[in-house]
């Protein structure tokens, strides 16, 4: 069985990796949103454009997979 300090350090590293992954995901979404010629938030939520929603959702899922693979090695 792991010692308490080892379990605590594993828990803290897990939380740190989760925060880092979420920050990278948000940063990636923000970069793509800035470089697209239209405002994705407006197109998705105000105009109901499903194609833009699918595009941005696919991007987020793909980026999340890349971040997860990079973190796990």
Protein backbone atom coordinates (compact mmCIF):
# COMPACT_ATOMS: atom_id res chain seq x y z
CA UNK A 1 0.00 0.00 0.00
CA UNK A 2 1.20 3.51 -0.80
CA UNK A 3 2.22 5.87 1.96
CA UNK A 4 0.08 8.89 2.71
CA UNK A 5 2.67 11.27 1.27
CA UNK A 6 2.84 9.29 -1.96
CA UNK A 7 -0.93 9.25 -2.26
CA UNK A 8 -1.08 12.98 -1.59
CA UNK A 9 1.59 13.73 -4.19
CA UNK A 10 -0.19 11.55 -6.75
CA UNK A 11 -3.46 13.37 -6.04
CA UNK A 12 -1.80 16.78 -6.34
CA UNK A 13 -0.09 15.83 -9.61
CA UNK A 14 -3.39 14.56 -10.99
CA UNK A 15 -5.10 17.83 -10.12
CA UNK A 16 -2.19 19.80 -11.60
CA UNK A 17 -2.35 17.83 -14.86
CA UNK A 18 -6.12 18.30 -15.04
CA UNK A 19 -5.78 22.07 -14.60
CA UNK A 20 -2.93 22.23 -17.12
CA UNK A 21 -4.91 20.19 -19.67
CA UNK A 22 -7.99 22.35 -19.24
CA UNK A 23 -5.92 25.54 -19.59
CA UNK A 24 -4.32 24.23 -22.79
CA UNK A 25 -7.71 23.25 -24.16
CA UNK A 26 -9.17 26.69 -23.46
CA UNK A 27 -6.09 28.37 -24.94
CA UNK A 28 -6.34 26.26 -28.09
CA UNK A 29 -10.03 27.05 -28.50
CA UNK A 30 -9.34 30.75 -27.98
CA UNK A 31 -6.58 30.74 -30.62
CA UNK A 32 -8.77 29.00 -33.19
CA UNK A 33 -11.69 31.32 -32.41
CA UNK A 34 -9.45 34.36 -32.94
CA UNK A 35 -8.10 33.14 -36.29
CA UNK A 36 -11.44 32.15 -37.81
CA UNK A 37 -12.98 34.88 -39.97
CA UNK A 38 -16.25 34.87 -38.04
CA UNK A 39 -17.26 34.87 -34.37
CA UNK A 40 -17.91 31.20 -33.60
CA UNK A 41 -19.77 31.94 -30.36
CA UNK A 42 -22.22 34.22 -32.15
CA UNK A 43 -22.73 31.77 -35.02
CA UNK A 44 -23.38 28.85 -32.68
CA UNK A 45 -25.49 30.38 -29.93
CA UNK A 46 -27.27 33.32 -31.56
CA UNK A 47 -27.69 32.11 -35.14
CA UNK A 48 -27.90 28.37 -34.39
CA UNK A 49 -25.37 27.38 -37.04
CA UNK A 50 -24.96 23.63 -36.57
CA UNK A 51 -22.04 23.35 -39.00
CA UNK A 52 -19.91 25.74 -36.95
CA UNK A 53 -20.89 23.91 -33.76
CA UNK A 54 -19.81 20.57 -35.25
CA UNK A 55 -16.55 22.10 -36.50
CA UNK A 56 -15.64 23.64 -33.14
CA UNK A 57 -16.74 20.54 -31.23
CA UNK A 58 -14.60 18.35 -33.45
CA UNK A 59 -11.66 20.66 -32.93
CA UNK A 60 -12.04 20.58 -29.15
CA UNK A 61 -12.29 16.77 -29.09
CA UNK A 62 -9.25 16.41 -31.34
CA UNK A 63 -7.22 18.84 -29.27
CA UNK A 64 -8.25 17.09 -26.06
CA UNK A 65 -7.02 13.78 -27.46
CA UNK A 66 -3.67 15.30 -28.41
CA UNK A 67 -3.25 16.93 -24.98
CA UNK A 68 -4.16 13.69 -23.20
CA UNK A 69 -1.72 11.68 -25.32
CA UNK A 70 1.06 14.19 -24.69
CA UNK A 71 0.47 14.11 -20.93
CA UNK A 72 0.35 10.33 -20.62
CA UNK A 73 3.43 9.80 -22.77
